[in-house]
Amino acid sequence: MRYRLTFVAGVVLGYVLGTRAGRERYEQLKKSARQFAQNPAVRNTAETAAHQGREFAGKAYHVVSDKVGDRVPDSVADRVRHLRDRATHNGGEDDWGTTNT
């Protein structure tokens, strides 16, 4: 019985100390990630990558639509056409994922 009690006390103590150390490490990692994300160079790179992704998606759509022709659903063709028009007038902002009500 004495060994069980010692074992349980050790497990409880290890759990408490481990969670405290884990929480401190988690907070440290979270702070580092926030600083990384707020770095201007990182933000500029992410924005550039997003912009290039939109450009490549538009080019890919043209290539695919030329090869596929009328098999692209009208809803997709209308959506891409609408986004292309907005990009030329609104500086490239899109509204993918939003609902029109």
C-alpha atoms as a PDB file:
ATOM      1  CA  MET A   1       0.000   0.000   0.000  1.00  0.00           C
ATOM      2  CA  ARG A   2       2.848   2.358   0.788  1.00  0.00           C
ATOM      3  CA  TYR A   3       4.316   1.873  -2.702  1.00  0.00           C
ATOM      4  CA  ARG A   4       0.968   2.544  -4.359  1.00  0.00           C
ATOM      5  CA  LEU A   5       0.537   5.736  -2.412  1.00  0.00           C
ATOM      6  CA  THR A   6       4.077   6.816  -3.317  1.00  0.00           C
ATOM      7  CA  PHE A   7       3.448   5.963  -6.967  1.00  0.00           C
ATOM      8  CA  VAL A   8       0.149   7.888  -7.081  1.00  0.00           C
ATOM      9  CA  ALA A   9       1.742  10.880  -5.349  1.00  0.00           C
ATOM     10  CA  GLY A  10       4.576  10.799  -7.904  1.00  0.00           C
ATOM     11  CA  VAL A  11       2.131  10.652 -10.808  1.00  0.00           C
ATOM     12  CA  VAL A  12       0.121  13.570  -9.419  1.00  0.00           C
ATOM     13  CA  LEU A  13       3.240  15.642  -8.762  1.00  0.00           C
ATOM     14  CA  GLY A  14       4.603  14.843 -12.247  1.00  0.00           C
ATOM     15  CA  TYR A  15       1.301  15.760 -13.856  1.00  0.00           C
ATOM     16  CA  VAL A  16       1.084  19.088 -12.021  1.00  0.00           C
ATOM     17  CA  LEU A  17       4.683  20.044 -12.759  1.00  0.00           C
ATOM     18  CA  GLY A  18       4.426  18.841 -16.354  1.00  0.00           C
ATOM     19  CA  THR A  19       1.263  20.803 -17.081  1.00  0.00           C
ATOM     20  CA  ARG A  20       2.734  23.948 -15.572  1.00  0.00           C
ATOM     21  CA  ALA A  21       5.910  23.593 -17.639  1.00  0.00           C
ATOM     22  CA  GLY A  22       3.837  22.703 -20.700  1.00  0.00           C
ATOM     23  CA  ARG A  23       1.664  25.759 -20.266  1.00  0.00           C
ATOM     24  CA  GLU A  24       4.710  28.023 -19.961  1.00  0.00           C
ATOM     25  CA  ARG A  25       6.204  26.495 -23.110  1.00  0.00           C
ATOM     26  CA  TYR A  26       2.871  26.880 -24.919  1.00  0.00           C
ATOM     27  CA  GLU A  27       2.719  30.572 -23.991  1.00  0.00           C
ATOM     28  CA  GLN A  28       6.304  31.009 -25.143  1.00  0.00           C
ATOM     29  CA  LEU A  29       5.571  29.361 -28.506  1.00  0.00           C
ATOM     30  CA  LYS A  30       2.407  31.410 -28.921  1.00  0.00           C
ATOM     31  CA  LYS A  31       4.317  34.638 -28.292  1.00  0.00           C
ATOM     32  CA  SER A  32       7.003  33.638 -30.804  1.00  0.00           C
ATOM     33  CA  ALA A  33       4.391  32.780 -33.429  1.00  0.00           C
ATOM     34  CA  ARG A  34       2.635  36.111 -32.909  1.00  0.00           C
ATOM     35  CA  GLN A  35       5.917  38.016 -33.284  1.00  0.00           C
ATOM     36  CA  PHE A  36       6.732  36.041 -36.432  1.00  0.00           C
ATOM     37  CA  ALA A  37       3.319  36.735 -37.950  1.00  0.00           C
ATOM     38  CA  GLN A  38       3.580  40.459 -37.207  1.00  0.00           C
ATOM     39  CA  ASN A  39       6.983  40.760 -38.857  1.00  0.00           C
ATOM     40  CA  PRO A  40       6.586  43.083 -41.877  1.00  0.00           C
ATOM     41  CA  ALA A  41       8.770  40.896 -44.094  1.00  0.00           C
ATOM     42  CA  VAL A  42       6.646  37.848 -43.329  1.00  0.00           C
ATOM     43  CA  ARG A  43       3.408  39.743 -43.920  1.00  0.00           C
ATOM     44  CA  ASN A  44       4.658  41.122 -47.243  1.00  0.00           C
ATOM     45  CA  THR A  45       5.750  37.671 -48.359  1.00  0.00           C
ATOM     46  CA  ALA A  46       2.362  36.181 -47.418  1.00  0.00           C
ATOM     47  CA  GLU A  47       0.500  38.935 -49.277  1.00  0.00           C
ATOM     48  CA  THR A  48       2.718  38.472 -52.329  1.00  0.00           C
ATOM     49  CA  ALA A  49       2.126  34.730 -52.287  1.00  0.00           C
ATOM     50  CA  ALA A  50      -1.631  35.248 -52.031  1.00  0.00           C
ATOM     51  CA  HIS A  51      -1.593  37.714 -54.918  1.00  0.00           C
ATOM     52  CA  GLN A  52       0.465  35.366 -57.101  1.00  0.00           C
ATOM     53  CA  GLY A  53      -1.873  32.506 -56.200  1.00  0.00           C
ATOM     54  CA  ARG A  54      -4.839  34.536 -57.425  1.00  0.00           C
ATOM     55  CA  GLU A  55      -3.017  35.359 -60.660  1.00  0.00           C
ATOM     56  CA  PHE A  56      -2.068  31.722 -61.262  1.00  0.00           C
ATOM     57  CA  ALA A  57      -5.629  30.610 -60.519  1.00  0.00           C
ATOM     58  CA  GLY A  58      -6.940  33.068 -63.101  1.00  0.00           C
ATOM     59  CA  LYS A  59      -4.449  31.881 -65.699  1.00  0.00           C
ATOM     60  CA  ALA A  60      -5.243  28.247 -64.900  1.00  0.00           C
ATOM     61  CA  TYR A  61      -8.943  28.968 -65.321  1.00  0.00           C
ATOM     62  CA  HIS A  62      -8.331  30.395 -68.796  1.00  0.00           C
ATOM     63  CA  VAL A  63      -6.221  27.405 -69.832  1.00  0.00           C
ATOM     64  CA  VAL A  64      -8.730  24.907 -68.471  1.00  0.00           C
ATOM     65  CA  SER A  65     -11.737  26.731 -69.877  1.00  0.00           C
ATOM     66  CA  ASP A  66     -10.112  26.823 -73.321  1.00  0.00           C
ATOM     67  CA  LYS A  67      -9.561  23.066 -73.183  1.00  0.00           C
ATOM     68  CA  VAL A  68     -12.830  22.138 -71.485  1.00  0.00           C
ATOM     69  CA  GLY A  69     -15.044  24.638 -73.257  1.00  0.00           C
ATOM     70  CA  ASP A  70     -18.725  24.588 -72.362  1.00  0.00           C
ATOM     71  CA  ARG A  71     -18.338  21.840 -69.776  1.00  0.00           C
ATOM     72  CA  VAL A  72     -17.528  24.393 -67.031  1.00  0.00           C
ATOM     73  CA  PRO A  73     -20.711  25.073 -65.043  1.00  0.00           C
ATOM     74  CA  ASP A  74     -22.212  28.487 -65.655  1.00  0.00           C
ATOM     75  CA  SER A  75     -22.147  29.292 -61.939  1.00  0.00           C
ATOM     76  CA  VAL A  76     -18.360  28.815 -61.836  1.00  0.00           C
ATOM     77  CA  ALA A  77     -17.821  30.792 -65.026  1.00  0.00           C
ATOM     78  CA  ASP A  78     -20.002  33.645 -63.721  1.00  0.00           C
ATOM     79  CA  ARG A  79     -18.209  33.680 -60.374  1.00  0.00           C
ATOM     80  CA  VAL A  80     -14.748  33.827 -61.946  1.00  0.00           C
ATOM     81  CA  ARG A  81     -15.860  36.499 -64.405  1.00  0.00           C
ATOM     82  CA  HIS A  82     -17.294  38.549 -61.530  1.00  0.00           C
ATOM     83  CA  LEU A  83     -14.075  38.217 -59.519  1.00  0.00           C
ATOM     84  CA  ARG A  84     -11.950  39.161 -62.508  1.00  0.00           C
ATOM     85  CA  ASP A  85     -14.032  42.313 -62.990  1.00  0.00           C
ATOM     86  CA  ARG A  86     -13.760  43.198 -59.301  1.00  0.00           C
ATOM     87  CA  ALA A  87     -10.002  42.642 -59.342  1.00  0.00           C
ATOM     88  CA  THR A  88      -9.557  45.154 -62.131  1.00  0.00           C
ATOM     89  CA  HIS A  89     -11.753  47.748 -60.400  1.00  0.00           C
ATOM     90  CA  ASN A  90     -11.119  47.132 -56.671  1.00  0.00           C
ATOM     91  CA  GLY A  91      -7.412  46.459 -56.499  1.00  0.00           C
ATOM     92  CA  GLY A  92      -7.525  42.656 -56.380  1.00  0.00           C
ATOM     93  CA  GLU A  93      -9.763  42.048 -53.361  1.00  0.00           C
ATOM     94  CA  ASP A  94     -12.040  39.027 -53.618  1.00  0.00           C
ATOM     95  CA  ASP A  95     -14.969  37.728 -51.614  1.00  0.00           C
ATOM     96  CA  TRP A  96     -14.547  33.971 -51.843  1.00  0.00           C
ATOM     97  CA  GLY A  97     -16.350  32.207 -49.042  1.00  0.00           C
ATOM     98  CA  THR A  98     -18.952  34.892 -48.470  1.00  0.00           C
ATOM     99  CA  THR A  99     -22.623  34.437 -49.152  1.00  0.00           C
ATOM    100  CA  ASN A 100     -24.692  36.808 -51.204  1.00  0.00           C
ATOM    101  CA  THR A 101     -28.016  37.457 -49.525  1.00  0.00           C
END
